[in-house]
Amino acid sequence: MAIVARWKEQDGAVYSGFIDEGKCHRLDSGLCTQDLLDMGLEATLEMASRIVRTDAGTALDEVTLMAPLEPRSMRDFVTFEEHVEGVRKSVDGAAGIMPEWYEAPTFYFTNPHTIGGTGETIGIPAGCEELDFELEVAAVIGAVPQSDGRNLDTRMAHRHIFGYMVFNDWTARDLQRREMKVSLGPCKGKDFASTLGPWIVTADEFENLHDGDGFLPIQMKVTVNGEEIGRDLLSNMGWPFAELVAYASADSVVRPGDVLGSGTCGSGCLAELWGRNGAKTPPPLKTGDVVEMSIEGIGTIINTVGERRTATTRVPARSRPRLRVRADV
């Protein structure tokens, strides 16, 4: 096993490397997390063994952890049946689960450029009155020899999983609710922030924990201001991660540095509870709230909610004629 991290030291310099027994061990000069993902898991484990053995390291409590990578892309799935049932009622006002959900895993692409790490303050986006969190696990893709990441079967897809992180998919529910009525998908309700971290735990650490169907029965928990809001098992996913990776690669490609989210677990967000309770209880997040997410065997991320940005961002459409040819000027 290796714990891959990215951090800022007291002089402001940013490094990637490995965490071991409370110390941060830098990668060789010029290398970063992406280089490890391009090397693949086996080569990374060999490098980790060498560096941890020979490098004195810096104390973990003397650095500031950052998101462990800069993703090349981010797909976020929706794989927990319980979550779909509750949040659909909250966001769409509909009961039950659409039959299409059971037919194949569904995902959307989110913003890889607004990634934060544990300890960061997450501002409330302009126009949002219903800020929410989403408790997820994220898998990160690494290279596999002789594989181009296309049309993978589940066996090869499993080999492409380099490791796992905690993932908070922050959501502006009121913005999302309006956007979803256009039947395309979320945009400004989602793209303002995601938290990944606190590090990547390599996939070999979990090999003996998979059940017979490839699921990981590890505990997930989220609290707000110290009060538990929800918990679940990752094994309640409708599809294991290997099937998600394989599906993402079908008639497409996954590359080292791609991140795939599990989707929100059961009771892992406020909107699901609003749908079940028929009221906004617990209330939406507000400035100063502290959200803490913990995944068994991976770690914990903590973020504080910041101020709301004051701005008007909507741009109403202008009425247009439906001419098929250019009008005479």
Protein backbone atom coordinates (compact mmCIF):
# COMPACT_ATOMS: atom_id res chain seq x y z
CA MET A 1 0.00 0.00 0.00
CA ALA A 2 0.99 3.61 -0.58
CA ILE A 3 -0.68 6.86 0.46
CA VAL A 4 -0.21 9.43 -2.30
CA ALA A 5 -0.61 13.07 -1.33
CA ARG A 6 0.03 16.62 -2.43
CA TRP A 7 0.90 19.35 0.05
CA LYS A 8 2.20 22.88 0.58
CA GLU A 9 5.13 23.41 2.90
CA GLN A 10 5.70 26.44 5.12
CA ASP A 11 7.76 28.23 2.46
CA GLY A 12 4.82 27.97 0.03
CA ALA A 13 6.38 25.30 -2.17
CA VAL A 14 4.04 22.53 -3.38
CA TYR A 15 5.15 18.90 -3.49
CA SER A 16 3.69 15.51 -4.29
CA GLY A 17 4.75 12.33 -2.59
CA PHE A 18 3.91 9.70 -0.03
CA ILE A 19 2.59 9.79 3.54
CA ASP A 20 4.01 7.22 5.93
CA GLU A 21 3.86 7.13 9.73
CA GLY A 22 3.07 10.82 10.06
CA LYS A 23 5.70 12.07 7.62
CA CYS A 24 5.54 13.45 4.08
CA HIS A 25 8.15 12.08 1.67
CA ARG A 26 8.67 14.07 -1.53
CA LEU A 27 8.80 12.51 -4.97
CA ASP A 28 12.02 12.80 -6.91
CA SER A 29 12.58 16.31 -8.27
CA GLY A 30 10.19 17.32 -11.04
CA LEU A 31 7.69 14.51 -10.49
CA CYS A 32 4.04 14.92 -9.43
CA THR A 33 0.99 12.74 -8.77
CA GLN A 34 0.15 12.59 -12.47
CA ASP A 35 3.52 10.99 -13.15
CA LEU A 36 2.66 8.21 -10.70
CA LEU A 37 -0.68 7.64 -12.40
CA ASP A 38 1.06 7.48 -15.77
CA MET A 39 3.54 4.93 -14.31
CA GLY A 40 0.77 2.74 -12.92
CA LEU A 41 0.21 1.11 -9.56
CA GLU A 42 2.99 -1.47 -9.54
CA ALA A 43 5.73 1.04 -10.37
CA THR A 44 4.30 3.50 -7.85
CA LEU A 45 4.45 0.94 -5.04
CA GLU A 46 8.08 0.22 -5.87
CA MET A 47 8.91 3.94 -5.85
CA ALA A 48 7.05 4.48 -2.58
CA SER A 49 9.06 1.74 -0.90
CA ARG A 50 12.33 3.28 -2.03
CA ILE A 51 11.49 6.88 -1.16
CA VAL A 52 9.99 6.16 2.25
CA ARG A 53 13.01 4.07 3.10
CA THR A 54 15.61 6.66 2.07
CA ASP A 55 13.97 10.09 2.61
CA ALA A 56 13.90 11.71 6.06
CA GLY A 57 10.56 13.36 5.34
CA THR A 58 8.65 16.34 6.75
CA ALA A 59 6.20 16.04 9.62
CA LEU A 60 2.61 15.86 8.40
CA ASP A 61 1.49 18.47 10.94
CA GLU A 62 3.95 20.97 9.42
CA VAL A 63 2.36 20.97 5.96
CA THR A 64 -1.00 21.91 4.45
CA LEU A 65 -2.65 19.10 2.51
CA MET A 66 -4.03 19.93 -0.93
CA ALA A 67 -6.20 17.95 -3.31
CA PRO A 68 -3.98 14.95 -4.11
CA LEU A 69 -4.17 15.44 -7.88
CA GLU A 70 -5.35 17.78 -10.61
CA PRO A 71 -7.87 15.53 -12.42
CA ARG A 72 -7.80 15.23 -16.18
CA SER A 73 -11.56 14.65 -16.13
CA MET A 74 -14.28 13.92 -13.56
CA ARG A 75 -17.22 11.63 -14.11
CA ASP A 76 -19.72 11.44 -11.27
CA PHE A 77 -22.11 8.48 -11.22
CA VAL A 78 -25.38 8.01 -9.34
CA THR A 79 -25.22 4.46 -8.00
CA PHE A 80 -27.04 4.39 -4.65
CA GLU A 81 -30.70 3.42 -4.99
CA GLU A 82 -31.65 4.93 -1.62
CA HIS A 83 -30.17 8.30 -2.57
CA VAL A 84 -31.95 8.39 -5.93
CA GLU A 85 -35.28 7.68 -4.27
CA GLY A 86 -34.96 10.48 -1.72
CA VAL A 87 -33.29 13.18 -3.78
CA ARG A 88 -35.61 12.69 -6.78
CA LYS A 89 -38.54 13.64 -4.59
CA SER A 90 -36.67 16.69 -3.32
CA VAL A 91 -35.32 17.95 -6.66
CA ASP A 92 -37.94 16.73 -9.15
CA GLY A 93 -40.97 16.35 -6.88
CA ALA A 94 -41.43 12.78 -8.13
CA ALA A 95 -41.83 9.62 -6.07
CA GLY A 96 -40.02 6.32 -6.64
CA ILE A 97 -37.15 5.57 -8.99
CA MET A 98 -37.27 5.82 -12.76
CA PRO A 99 -36.91 2.34 -14.35
CA GLU A 100 -34.08 3.57 -16.57
CA TRP A 101 -31.83 3.95 -13.52
CA TYR A 102 -31.67 0.16 -13.16
CA GLU A 103 -30.69 -0.44 -16.78
CA ALA A 104 -27.17 1.02 -16.75
CA PRO A 105 -25.01 3.30 -14.60
CA THR A 106 -25.52 7.00 -15.32
CA PHE A 107 -22.97 9.77 -14.88
CA TYR A 108 -22.32 13.39 -15.72
CA PHE A 109 -19.02 15.22 -16.28
CA THR A 110 -18.21 17.80 -13.63
CA ASN A 111 -15.59 20.54 -13.42
CA PRO A 112 -11.97 19.34 -12.88
CA HIS A 113 -10.75 22.93 -12.43
CA THR A 114 -12.56 23.81 -9.18
CA ILE A 115 -11.10 21.07 -6.99
CA GLY A 116 -10.18 21.81 -3.38
CA GLY A 117 -8.62 19.86 -0.56
CA THR A 118 -9.37 19.21 3.06
CA GLY A 119 -9.20 22.27 5.27
CA GLU A 120 -10.28 24.71 2.55
CA THR A 121 -13.17 27.14 2.87
CA ILE A 122 -15.93 26.60 0.31
CA GLY A 123 -17.82 29.75 -0.63
CA ILE A 124 -21.54 29.77 -1.37
CA PRO A 125 -22.10 30.49 -5.08
CA ALA A 126 -24.05 33.53 -6.22
CA GLY A 127 -27.81 33.08 -6.06
CA CYS A 128 -27.67 29.94 -3.93
CA GLU A 129 -29.87 29.66 -0.84
CA GLU A 130 -29.73 25.84 -0.53
CA LEU A 131 -26.10 24.75 -0.31
CA ASP A 132 -25.67 21.00 0.16
CA PHE A 133 -22.91 18.41 0.38
CA GLU A 134 -22.69 14.92 -1.16
CA LEU A 135 -20.74 12.10 0.50
CA GLU A 136 -18.97 9.94 -2.07
CA VAL A 137 -15.93 7.80 -2.75
CA ALA A 138 -13.85 8.59 -5.82
CA ALA A 139 -11.67 6.17 -7.77
CA VAL A 140 -8.71 7.50 -9.73
CA ILE A 141 -7.51 5.86 -12.93
CA GLY A 142 -3.92 4.74 -13.45
CA ALA A 143 -2.07 3.23 -16.39
CA VAL A 144 -2.00 -0.50 -17.10
CA PRO A 145 0.61 -2.01 -19.45
CA GLN A 146 -0.70 -2.86 -22.93
CA SER A 147 -4.05 -1.17 -22.26
CA ASP A 148 -5.24 1.95 -24.02
CA GLY A 149 -8.22 2.40 -21.68
CA ARG A 150 -10.82 1.71 -24.37
CA ASN A 151 -13.74 -0.74 -24.28
CA LEU A 152 -12.47 -2.39 -21.10
CA ASP A 153 -13.95 -5.54 -19.64
CA THR A 154 -14.48 -5.52 -15.87
CA ARG A 155 -11.28 -7.44 -15.18
CA MET A 156 -9.12 -4.91 -16.98
CA ALA A 157 -11.19 -2.02 -15.66
CA HIS A 158 -10.48 -3.19 -12.12
CA ARG A 159 -6.75 -3.15 -12.86
CA HIS A 160 -7.01 0.47 -14.00
CA ILE A 161 -8.21 1.60 -10.56
CA PHE A 162 -5.10 3.15 -9.01
CA GLY A 163 -6.68 4.13 -5.70
CA TYR A 164 -9.49 5.81 -3.79
CA MET A 165 -10.25 9.19 -2.20
CA VAL A 166 -13.04 10.83 -0.22
CA PHE A 167 -15.17 13.04 -2.49
CA ASN A 168 -17.54 15.86 -1.51
CA ASP A 169 -19.62 16.87 -4.52
CA TRP A 170 -20.86 20.27 -3.30
CA THR A 171 -24.27 21.21 -4.73
CA ALA A 172 -26.40 24.34 -4.96
CA ARG A 173 -29.78 22.60 -4.82
CA ASP A 174 -31.95 25.55 -5.82
CA LEU A 175 -29.79 26.23 -8.88
CA GLN A 176 -29.75 22.52 -9.72
CA ARG A 177 -33.53 22.26 -9.38
CA ARG A 178 -34.08 24.95 -12.02
CA GLU A 179 -31.41 23.57 -14.36
CA MET A 180 -32.72 20.00 -14.31
CA LYS A 181 -36.07 21.15 -15.73
CA VAL A 182 -34.27 21.77 -19.04
CA SER A 183 -33.60 17.98 -19.21
CA LEU A 184 -29.90 18.31 -19.87
CA GLY A 185 -28.13 18.05 -16.52
CA PRO A 186 -26.67 20.19 -13.75
CA CYS A 187 -24.29 23.04 -14.57
CA LYS A 188 -23.94 26.02 -12.18
CA GLY A 189 -25.58 23.95 -9.48
CA LYS A 190 -22.49 21.74 -9.45
CA ASP A 191 -19.42 23.25 -11.10
CA PHE A 192 -18.35 25.72 -8.39
CA ALA A 193 -16.54 23.29 -6.06
CA SER A 194 -15.58 19.69 -5.31
CA THR A 195 -13.35 18.42 -2.51
CA LEU A 196 -11.01 15.46 -3.00
CA GLY A 197 -8.71 14.00 -0.39
CA PRO A 198 -7.21 13.90 2.03
CA TRP A 199 -4.96 11.68 -0.14
CA ILE A 200 -5.15 8.68 -2.47
CA VAL A 201 -4.97 5.26 -0.81
CA THR A 202 -3.76 2.79 -3.43
CA ALA A 203 -6.15 0.08 -4.52
CA ASP A 204 -4.04 -2.85 -3.32
CA GLU A 205 -5.00 -1.95 0.26
CA PHE A 206 -8.59 -2.99 -0.48
CA GLU A 207 -8.06 -6.14 -2.55
CA ASN A 208 -8.94 -8.53 0.28
CA LEU A 209 -12.02 -6.51 1.29
CA HIS A 210 -14.08 -6.96 -1.88
CA ASP A 211 -17.07 -9.25 -1.53
CA GLY A 212 -17.91 -11.93 -4.06
CA ASP A 213 -19.55 -9.42 -6.41
CA GLY A 214 -16.70 -6.89 -6.31
CA PHE A 215 -18.23 -4.45 -3.83
CA LEU A 216 -16.36 -2.82 -0.92
CA PRO A 217 -18.28 -2.95 2.41
CA ILE A 218 -16.50 0.04 3.97
CA GLN A 219 -18.19 2.60 6.22
CA MET A 220 -19.06 6.13 5.05
CA LYS A 221 -20.10 8.95 7.41
CA VAL A 222 -20.81 12.69 7.26
CA THR A 223 -21.32 15.21 10.07
CA VAL A 224 -22.20 18.91 10.16
CA ASN A 225 -20.87 20.88 13.12
CA GLY A 226 -20.14 17.59 14.85
CA GLU A 227 -23.66 16.17 14.44
CA GLU A 228 -23.98 13.02 12.37
CA ILE A 229 -26.22 13.54 9.34
CA GLY A 230 -25.81 10.25 7.51
CA ARG A 231 -23.88 7.00 7.16
CA ASP A 232 -23.88 4.10 4.73
CA LEU A 233 -21.78 1.25 3.34
CA LEU A 234 -20.02 1.70 0.01
CA SER A 235 -21.18 -1.83 -0.87
CA ASN A 236 -24.74 -0.48 -1.25
CA MET A 237 -23.76 0.82 -4.68
CA GLY A 238 -25.85 -0.67 -7.48
CA TRP A 239 -22.67 -1.39 -9.48
CA PRO A 240 -19.10 -1.96 -8.23
CA PHE A 241 -16.38 0.45 -9.33
CA ALA A 242 -14.95 -1.98 -11.89
CA GLU A 243 -18.26 -1.92 -13.76
CA LEU A 244 -18.35 1.88 -13.62
CA VAL A 245 -14.87 2.10 -15.15
CA ALA A 246 -15.78 -0.43 -17.82
CA TYR A 247 -18.97 1.45 -18.66
CA ALA A 248 -17.13 4.77 -18.85
CA SER A 249 -14.66 3.24 -21.32
CA ALA A 250 -17.32 1.74 -23.61
CA ASP A 251 -16.98 3.34 -27.06
CA SER A 252 -14.83 5.87 -25.27
CA VAL A 253 -11.64 5.98 -23.19
CA VAL A 254 -10.42 6.41 -19.62
CA ARG A 255 -6.98 7.89 -19.05
CA PRO A 256 -4.60 8.09 -16.07
CA GLY A 257 -5.74 11.03 -13.96
CA ASP A 258 -9.45 10.56 -14.67
CA VAL A 259 -11.60 10.52 -11.54
CA LEU A 260 -14.88 8.56 -11.17
CA GLY A 261 -17.27 9.32 -8.31
CA SER A 262 -19.49 6.68 -6.74
CA GLY A 263 -22.41 9.05 -6.46
CA THR A 264 -23.93 10.03 -3.14
CA CYS A 265 -24.50 7.26 -0.63
CA GLY A 266 -27.79 6.73 1.19
CA SER A 267 -28.44 9.59 3.65
CA GLY A 268 -25.26 11.24 2.34
CA CYS A 269 -26.76 14.64 1.54
CA LEU A 270 -29.36 17.06 2.85
CA ALA A 271 -31.60 16.99 -0.23
CA GLU A 272 -32.28 13.29 0.19
CA LEU A 273 -33.41 13.93 3.75
CA TRP A 274 -35.54 16.90 2.62
CA GLY A 275 -37.32 14.59 0.18
CA ARG A 276 -38.00 11.99 2.85
CA ASN A 277 -38.95 14.50 5.56
CA GLY A 278 -41.12 16.69 3.34
CA ALA A 279 -39.35 19.76 4.73
CA LYS A 280 -35.88 21.33 4.68
CA THR A 281 -34.72 19.57 7.83
CA PRO A 282 -31.83 19.53 8.51
CA PRO A 283 -31.51 23.06 7.07
CA PRO A 284 -29.29 24.07 4.13
CA LEU A 285 -25.67 24.80 4.91
CA LYS A 286 -24.79 28.33 6.02
CA THR A 287 -21.62 30.36 6.43
CA GLY A 288 -19.50 28.93 9.24
CA ASP A 289 -20.82 25.37 9.08
CA VAL A 290 -18.18 22.65 9.21
CA VAL A 291 -18.72 19.55 7.07
CA GLU A 292 -16.67 16.46 7.92
CA MET A 293 -16.64 13.29 5.82
CA SER A 294 -14.92 10.04 6.77
CA ILE A 295 -14.44 6.86 4.76
CA GLU A 296 -13.16 3.74 6.48
CA GLY A 297 -9.66 2.86 5.29
CA ILE A 298 -9.28 6.11 3.32
CA GLY A 299 -9.47 9.07 5.68
CA THR A 300 -11.31 12.27 6.53
CA ILE A 301 -11.89 15.59 4.78
CA ILE A 302 -13.10 18.72 6.59
CA ASN A 303 -14.34 21.94 5.01
CA THR A 304 -15.85 25.14 6.37
CA VAL A 305 -18.61 26.95 4.49
CA GLY A 306 -17.59 30.48 3.54
CA GLU A 307 -19.43 33.65 2.54
CA ARG A 308 -21.96 33.86 -0.29
CA ARG A 309 -20.74 35.64 -3.40
CA THR A 310 -22.96 38.61 -4.20
CA ALA A 311 -23.71 38.76 -7.92
CA THR A 312 -26.41 38.19 -10.51
CA THR A 313 -25.37 35.41 -12.84
CA ARG A 314 -28.50 34.49 -14.76
CA VAL A 315 -28.73 35.77 -18.32
CA PRO A 316 -32.33 35.53 -19.60
CA ALA A 317 -32.90 34.44 -23.19
CA ARG A 318 -33.97 37.07 -25.68
CA SER A 319 -37.07 36.31 -27.74
CA ARG A 320 -36.14 35.37 -31.29
CA PRO A 321 -38.12 34.73 -34.49
CA ARG A 322 -37.99 31.28 -36.04
CA LEU A 323 -36.88 32.24 -39.51
CA ARG A 324 -35.37 29.54 -41.70
CA VAL A 325 -33.63 31.97 -44.06
CA ARG A 326 -31.93 35.28 -43.39
CA ALA A 327 -34.29 38.24 -43.42
CA ASP A 328 -33.56 41.07 -45.88
CA VAL A 329 -31.60 43.85 -44.21
